[in-house]
Amino acid sequence: MFTITKNESEIFYEISYSNDNSLLLTDGVSNYLFTDGRYFEEAKSAAKNCEVILSQTLFKSVAGTIRKERIQKLFFDPKNITHFEHEELNRLSTAALYPKKGILSKKRVVKSEEELKKIKTAVKLGKKGFKKFAAKLSEIKKEPDEFELAYLAKECLTWRGSFEASFEPITAIDENGANPHARATAKKLKKGSLLLFDGGVKFERYCSDRTRTAYYQDGFEFKKKQSFKDKKLQHIYDTVLAAQESAIGAARVGMKASELDAVARGVIEKAGYGEQFVHSLGHGVGLDIHEYPYISKKSDDILCENMVFTIEPGIYIPGHYGVRIEDMVVLTADGAEVL
């Protein structure tokens, strides 16, 4: 059963190499990588168990190989192939095309021991980056805005460029934190501000992801236990923490992802903030920052041993602040282990 993909993470998983202009044709045994002259020599030396084919017109070259190998059925993930590319492939190829969501990306949902080692290293680097960021902020004399915070956070997370960030860090102050994926603004960080910091780092392409929400003051830390003078904020924070801890404690092999989402959501709903928990509980993390399994109330994904995913409940109060606490876990035979 041959599949075609242009997704870099999927290609890398299959042949240990990828670039930003290539197509992979694979049945899990035979692999054909099509790429252009910029990457051809590099691909030949780096790609494993793969025939590398030089091409200036990728889909045309793929169609030629399909005819040569007499491939009659070709599967693709509709999330990764555009309508134009589908039409082009359909026009050039003699194979019948069949969409199948997650056909390659679901192969890597259960992590190998080698993958787990890399992910754990990325998590450790990320945690140290959080500590460095907190220490830097404690030394700053002026009031930085969110743009400056994001720049400083990225510097700390990547160890001044030694590693790659998993994604652009979120450094949301006070009311901007009510936007779960807040973009940086000119809002300044002042003593007494609530800072929501979401960031991660890659180690050998594998990602980490972490969020903390902290009251900014002298000598502050991104620790889980936080104390606030505002009783409502304290109640909200404690509710989010309780939701996360409940979900971590409840995660089991064989459980539906939707059931795990319901555990955390139930804690938040009971506290009266159900409508303010506006996103899913979590997502898988690996070569991509968002991948299977998806821990949402609509997900039918079944949780399996050695899956890695986030548990990140949140409560967002528009015009005031947002609180989110996020950690990555690996699911073991005994339950969820916080990484």
Protein backbone atom coordinates (compact mmCIF):
# COMPACT_ATOMS: atom_id res chain seq x y z
CA MET A 1 0.00 0.00 0.00
CA PHE A 2 1.82 3.09 -1.23
CA THR A 3 1.38 6.51 0.36
CA ILE A 4 2.59 9.92 -0.78
CA THR A 5 3.50 12.77 1.56
CA LYS A 6 5.27 16.12 1.51
CA ASN A 7 5.09 16.56 5.32
CA GLU A 8 8.61 16.98 6.68
CA SER A 9 8.00 15.19 9.96
CA GLU A 10 6.40 12.23 8.22
CA ILE A 11 9.27 12.03 5.73
CA PHE A 12 11.90 12.28 8.47
CA TYR A 13 10.23 9.53 10.49
CA GLU A 14 10.32 7.19 7.50
CA ILE A 15 13.85 7.83 6.16
CA SER A 16 15.68 9.92 8.84
CA TYR A 17 15.96 12.91 6.51
CA SER A 18 13.75 15.68 5.16
CA ASN A 19 13.89 19.13 3.57
CA ASP A 20 11.40 21.81 2.61
CA ASN A 21 10.94 20.73 -1.02
CA SER A 22 10.48 17.02 -1.40
CA LEU A 23 7.92 14.25 -1.82
CA LEU A 24 8.11 10.76 -0.40
CA LEU A 25 6.50 7.74 -2.00
CA THR A 26 6.51 4.82 0.43
CA ASP A 27 4.90 1.51 1.26
CA GLY A 28 6.92 1.07 4.46
CA VAL A 29 9.50 -1.09 2.68
CA SER A 30 10.30 0.68 -0.58
CA ASN A 31 10.96 4.41 -0.27
CA TYR A 32 11.38 6.95 -3.07
CA LEU A 33 12.36 10.52 -2.20
CA PHE A 34 11.95 13.17 -4.90
CA THR A 35 13.80 16.43 -4.39
CA ASP A 36 15.56 19.18 -6.35
CA GLY A 37 19.17 20.01 -7.01
CA ARG A 38 19.61 22.12 -3.88
CA TYR A 39 19.18 19.08 -1.65
CA PHE A 40 20.01 16.11 -3.89
CA GLU A 41 23.55 15.38 -2.69
CA GLU A 42 22.63 15.99 0.92
CA ALA A 43 19.62 13.69 0.62
CA LYS A 44 21.68 10.90 -0.98
CA SER A 45 24.07 10.84 1.97
CA ALA A 46 21.52 11.36 4.77
CA ALA A 47 18.38 9.46 3.72
CA LYS A 48 18.22 5.86 4.93
CA ASN A 49 16.74 2.89 3.08
CA CYS A 50 15.66 5.16 0.28
CA GLU A 51 16.16 5.81 -3.42
CA VAL A 52 16.70 9.53 -3.95
CA ILE A 53 15.49 10.88 -7.29
CA LEU A 54 16.57 14.26 -8.67
CA SER A 55 13.56 16.21 -9.92
CA GLN A 56 12.65 19.73 -10.94
CA THR A 57 8.94 18.85 -11.23
CA LEU A 58 8.17 16.69 -8.22
CA PHE A 59 4.66 15.46 -9.01
CA LYS A 60 5.59 14.67 -12.60
CA SER A 61 8.52 12.58 -11.39
CA VAL A 62 6.33 10.81 -8.84
CA ALA A 63 3.84 9.98 -11.60
CA GLY A 64 6.66 8.44 -13.64
CA THR A 65 7.69 6.19 -10.78
CA ILE A 66 4.07 5.19 -10.18
CA ARG A 67 3.84 4.01 -13.78
CA LYS A 68 7.22 2.28 -13.61
CA GLU A 69 6.36 0.39 -10.43
CA ARG A 70 2.79 -0.28 -11.64
CA ILE A 71 1.26 1.19 -8.52
CA GLN A 72 -2.53 1.04 -8.85
CA LYS A 73 -3.63 2.56 -5.51
CA LEU A 74 -2.09 5.61 -3.87
CA PHE A 75 -3.07 6.89 -0.43
CA PHE A 76 -2.60 10.42 0.89
CA ASP A 77 -3.47 12.43 3.98
CA PRO A 78 -5.92 15.19 2.95
CA LYS A 79 -4.48 17.38 5.71
CA ASN A 80 -1.11 17.45 3.95
CA ILE A 81 -1.96 17.56 0.24
CA THR A 82 -3.68 20.66 -1.17
CA HIS A 83 -6.58 20.53 -3.60
CA PHE A 84 -4.29 21.82 -6.36
CA GLU A 85 -1.69 19.14 -5.65
CA HIS A 86 -4.37 16.45 -5.60
CA GLU A 87 -5.67 17.60 -8.96
CA GLU A 88 -2.14 17.69 -10.37
CA LEU A 89 -1.38 14.20 -9.13
CA ASN A 90 -4.71 12.92 -10.38
CA ARG A 91 -3.99 14.40 -13.82
CA LEU A 92 -0.46 13.00 -14.10
CA SER A 93 -0.73 9.69 -12.28
CA THR A 94 -2.22 6.40 -13.42
CA ALA A 95 -2.94 5.31 -9.82
CA ALA A 96 -6.31 5.76 -8.13
CA LEU A 97 -6.07 8.23 -5.21
CA TYR A 98 -7.53 7.47 -1.79
CA PRO A 99 -7.63 9.95 1.12
CA LYS A 100 -6.87 8.59 4.57
CA LYS A 101 -6.44 11.00 7.47
CA GLY A 102 -3.39 10.35 9.62
CA ILE A 103 -2.18 7.44 7.47
CA LEU A 104 1.50 8.16 8.23
CA SER A 105 1.36 10.50 11.22
CA LYS A 106 -0.49 7.94 13.36
CA LYS A 107 2.43 5.54 12.93
CA ARG A 108 4.50 7.60 15.36
CA VAL A 109 1.84 8.07 18.05
CA VAL A 110 3.52 5.46 20.28
CA LYS A 111 7.09 6.49 21.00
CA SER A 112 10.11 4.21 20.93
CA GLU A 113 12.66 4.20 23.75
CA GLU A 114 15.03 6.22 21.57
CA GLU A 115 12.32 8.80 20.89
CA LEU A 116 11.48 9.00 24.59
CA LYS A 117 15.12 9.71 25.42
CA LYS A 118 15.16 12.62 22.97
CA ILE A 119 11.84 13.99 24.22
CA LYS A 120 12.98 13.77 27.84
CA THR A 121 16.16 15.67 26.93
CA ALA A 122 14.06 18.35 25.20
CA VAL A 123 11.87 18.63 28.30
CA LYS A 124 14.91 19.02 30.58
CA LEU A 125 16.33 21.72 28.32
CA GLY A 126 12.96 23.47 28.32
CA LYS A 127 12.71 23.43 32.11
CA LYS A 128 16.18 24.91 32.43
CA GLY A 129 15.16 27.55 29.86
CA PHE A 130 12.20 28.50 32.05
CA LYS A 131 14.51 28.91 35.05
CA LYS A 132 16.95 31.02 33.05
CA PHE A 133 14.10 33.21 31.78
CA ALA A 134 12.77 33.76 35.32
CA ALA A 135 16.26 34.64 36.54
CA LYS A 136 16.78 37.11 33.68
CA LEU A 137 13.47 38.81 34.43
CA SER A 138 14.41 39.15 38.10
CA GLU A 139 17.55 41.07 37.04
CA ILE A 140 15.82 43.46 34.62
CA LYS A 141 15.55 47.03 35.90
CA LYS A 142 13.24 48.43 33.21
CA GLU A 143 9.72 47.28 32.31
CA PRO A 144 9.97 45.07 29.19
CA ASP A 145 7.05 44.71 26.79
CA GLU A 146 5.76 41.40 25.44
CA PHE A 147 7.91 41.65 22.31
CA GLU A 148 11.05 41.97 24.43
CA LEU A 149 9.89 39.17 26.69
CA ALA A 150 9.34 36.84 23.72
CA TYR A 151 12.81 37.63 22.38
CA LEU A 152 14.41 37.02 25.78
CA ALA A 153 12.39 33.83 26.29
CA LYS A 154 13.50 32.44 22.95
CA GLU A 155 17.12 33.25 23.77
CA CYS A 156 16.82 31.36 27.07
CA LEU A 157 14.92 28.40 25.66
CA THR A 158 17.29 27.88 22.74
CA TRP A 159 20.41 28.45 24.82
CA ARG A 160 21.33 31.46 22.72
CA GLY A 161 20.65 29.63 19.46
CA SER A 162 22.25 26.27 20.27
CA PHE A 163 18.84 24.62 19.86
CA GLU A 164 15.64 25.40 17.98
CA ALA A 165 12.46 26.59 19.67
CA SER A 166 9.48 24.22 19.37
CA PHE A 167 7.34 27.26 18.46
CA GLU A 168 7.30 31.01 18.98
CA PRO A 169 6.99 31.45 22.77
CA ILE A 170 3.90 33.06 24.28
CA THR A 171 4.63 35.79 26.83
CA ALA A 172 1.19 37.19 27.69
CA ILE A 173 0.68 39.81 30.39
CA ASP A 174 -2.56 40.28 32.35
CA GLU A 175 -5.57 40.67 29.98
CA ASN A 176 -3.59 39.44 26.97
CA GLY A 177 -3.28 36.11 28.78
CA ALA A 178 -7.03 35.66 28.24
CA ASN A 179 -6.11 34.82 24.63
CA PRO A 180 -4.89 31.20 24.79
CA HIS A 181 -2.49 31.71 21.84
CA ALA A 182 -1.80 35.37 22.52
CA ARG A 183 0.37 37.35 20.15
CA ALA A 184 2.93 39.72 21.61
CA THR A 185 1.90 43.35 22.12
CA ALA A 186 3.49 46.50 23.45
CA LYS A 187 2.01 45.86 26.90
CA LYS A 188 4.68 46.16 29.57
CA LEU A 189 5.49 43.79 32.40
CA LYS A 190 5.20 45.52 35.77
CA LYS A 191 5.54 44.34 39.34
CA GLY A 192 2.21 42.76 40.19
CA SER A 193 1.46 41.65 36.60
CA LEU A 194 0.28 38.14 35.86
CA LEU A 195 2.54 36.54 33.25
CA LEU A 196 1.50 33.48 31.20
CA PHE A 197 4.56 31.89 29.62
CA ASP A 198 4.25 29.03 27.11
CA GLY A 199 7.40 27.74 25.41
CA GLY A 200 9.47 24.77 24.36
CA VAL A 201 12.69 23.64 22.72
CA LYS A 202 13.70 20.92 20.26
CA PHE A 203 16.37 18.31 20.78
CA GLU A 204 17.33 16.40 17.63
CA ARG A 205 13.99 17.52 16.15
CA TYR A 206 11.87 16.29 19.08
CA CYS A 207 9.83 18.97 20.87
CA SER A 208 9.01 20.00 24.41
CA ASP A 209 6.05 22.12 25.53
CA ARG A 210 5.37 23.76 28.90
CA THR A 211 3.21 26.56 30.33
CA ARG A 212 3.34 28.36 33.64
CA THR A 213 1.36 31.31 34.96
CA ALA A 214 3.09 33.40 37.62
CA TYR A 215 2.72 36.64 39.57
CA TYR A 216 5.65 38.85 38.59
CA GLN A 217 7.64 40.13 41.56
CA ASP A 218 11.22 40.22 42.81
CA GLY A 219 12.78 36.77 42.80
CA PHE A 220 9.76 35.07 41.24
CA GLU A 221 9.77 31.54 39.83
CA PHE A 222 7.63 29.58 37.36
CA LYS A 223 6.65 27.10 40.05
CA LYS A 224 3.30 25.33 40.18
CA LYS A 225 2.31 26.57 43.61
CA GLN A 226 1.44 30.25 43.35
CA SER A 227 -0.03 32.65 45.91
CA PHE A 228 -2.15 35.67 44.97
CA LYS A 229 -3.70 38.47 47.01
CA ASP A 230 -6.72 38.45 44.70
CA LYS A 231 -9.02 35.72 46.09
CA LYS A 232 -10.82 35.17 42.78
CA LEU A 233 -7.53 34.75 40.93
CA GLN A 234 -6.34 32.36 43.63
CA HIS A 235 -9.52 30.31 43.27
CA ILE A 236 -9.12 30.19 39.49
CA TYR A 237 -5.47 29.20 39.72
CA ASP A 238 -6.14 26.49 42.28
CA THR A 239 -8.98 25.18 40.11
CA VAL A 240 -6.72 24.91 37.06
CA LEU A 241 -4.05 23.16 39.12
CA ALA A 242 -6.61 20.75 40.58
CA ALA A 243 -7.93 20.01 37.08
CA GLN A 244 -4.44 19.23 35.84
CA GLU A 245 -3.56 17.05 38.81
CA SER A 246 -6.85 15.17 38.51
CA ALA A 247 -6.23 14.43 34.83
CA ILE A 248 -2.64 13.33 35.47
CA GLY A 249 -3.86 10.99 38.19
CA ALA A 250 -6.69 9.59 36.08
CA ALA A 251 -4.80 8.83 32.84
CA ARG A 252 -4.76 5.11 32.07
CA VAL A 253 -3.88 2.84 29.15
CA GLY A 254 -7.03 1.95 27.21
CA MET A 255 -8.85 5.14 28.17
CA LYS A 256 -10.49 7.29 25.52
CA ALA A 257 -8.85 10.68 25.09
CA SER A 258 -12.31 12.26 25.44
CA GLU A 259 -12.70 10.61 28.86
CA LEU A 260 -9.47 12.15 30.08
CA ASP A 261 -10.55 15.55 28.79
CA ALA A 262 -13.81 15.11 30.73
CA VAL A 263 -11.92 14.56 34.01
CA ALA A 264 -10.23 17.96 33.89
CA ARG A 265 -13.25 19.69 32.36
CA GLY A 266 -15.44 18.36 35.15
CA VAL A 267 -13.26 19.99 37.83
CA ILE A 268 -13.41 23.34 36.04
CA GLU A 269 -17.15 23.10 35.37
CA LYS A 270 -17.85 22.28 39.02
CA ALA A 271 -15.98 25.47 39.99
CA GLY A 272 -18.25 27.48 37.66
CA TYR A 273 -15.74 28.17 34.88
CA GLY A 274 -16.69 25.60 32.26
CA GLU A 275 -17.36 28.21 29.58
CA GLN A 276 -13.95 29.77 30.23
CA PHE A 277 -12.09 26.54 29.42
CA VAL A 278 -12.11 27.17 25.69
CA HIS A 279 -9.67 24.59 24.29
CA SER A 280 -8.93 20.89 24.53
CA LEU A 281 -7.03 19.37 27.43
CA GLY A 282 -3.95 18.48 25.44
CA HIS A 283 -2.19 17.09 22.39
CA GLY A 284 0.53 14.68 21.44
CA VAL A 285 4.10 15.96 21.18
CA GLY A 286 7.00 14.50 19.24
CA LEU A 287 8.50 15.53 15.92
CA ASP A 288 5.60 18.00 15.73
CA ILE A 289 4.47 20.24 18.55
CA HIS A 290 0.88 19.17 17.85
CA GLU A 291 0.31 15.55 16.79
CA TYR A 292 -1.69 12.47 17.74
CA PRO A 293 -3.20 11.75 20.21
CA TYR A 294 -5.52 14.74 20.59
CA ILE A 295 -6.93 14.98 24.12
CA SER A 296 -10.25 16.68 23.43
CA LYS A 297 -13.89 16.11 24.27
CA LYS A 298 -14.54 14.95 20.69
CA SER A 299 -11.50 12.69 20.32
CA ASP A 300 -11.93 8.93 19.86
CA ASP A 301 -8.19 8.33 20.22
CA ILE A 302 -7.43 5.45 22.61
CA LEU A 303 -4.57 6.11 25.00
CA CYS A 304 -1.73 3.59 24.75
CA GLU A 305 1.48 2.92 26.62
CA ASN A 306 4.39 5.17 25.57
CA MET A 307 2.17 7.87 24.14
CA VAL A 308 3.47 11.36 24.97
CA PHE A 309 1.02 14.25 25.33
CA THR A 310 0.36 17.48 27.19
CA ILE A 311 -2.12 18.06 29.98
CA GLU A 312 -2.89 21.78 29.94
CA PRO A 313 -6.21 22.95 31.37
CA GLY A 314 -6.88 26.68 31.43
CA ILE A 315 -9.37 29.32 32.49
CA TYR A 316 -9.55 32.58 30.56
CA ILE A 317 -11.33 35.70 31.80
CA PRO A 318 -11.61 38.24 28.92
CA GLY A 319 -10.41 41.69 29.85
CA HIS A 320 -8.59 40.43 32.96
CA TYR A 321 -6.24 37.45 32.66
CA GLY A 322 -5.75 33.83 31.68
CA VAL A 323 -4.39 30.95 33.72
CA ARG A 324 -2.94 27.82 32.13
CA ILE A 325 -0.68 25.12 33.57
CA GLU A 326 0.89 22.68 31.14
CA ASP A 327 3.16 19.69 31.48
CA MET A 328 4.08 16.82 29.18
CA VAL A 329 3.48 13.25 30.31
CA VAL A 330 4.35 9.80 29.01
CA LEU A 331 1.72 7.15 29.59
CA THR A 332 3.10 4.03 31.27
CA ALA A 333 1.46 0.78 32.36
CA ASP A 334 1.01 2.40 35.78
CA GLY A 335 -0.41 5.72 34.58
CA ALA A 336 0.91 9.11 33.51
CA GLU A 337 4.48 10.07 34.33
CA VAL A 338 5.20 13.80 34.28
CA LEU A 339 8.29 14.47 32.19
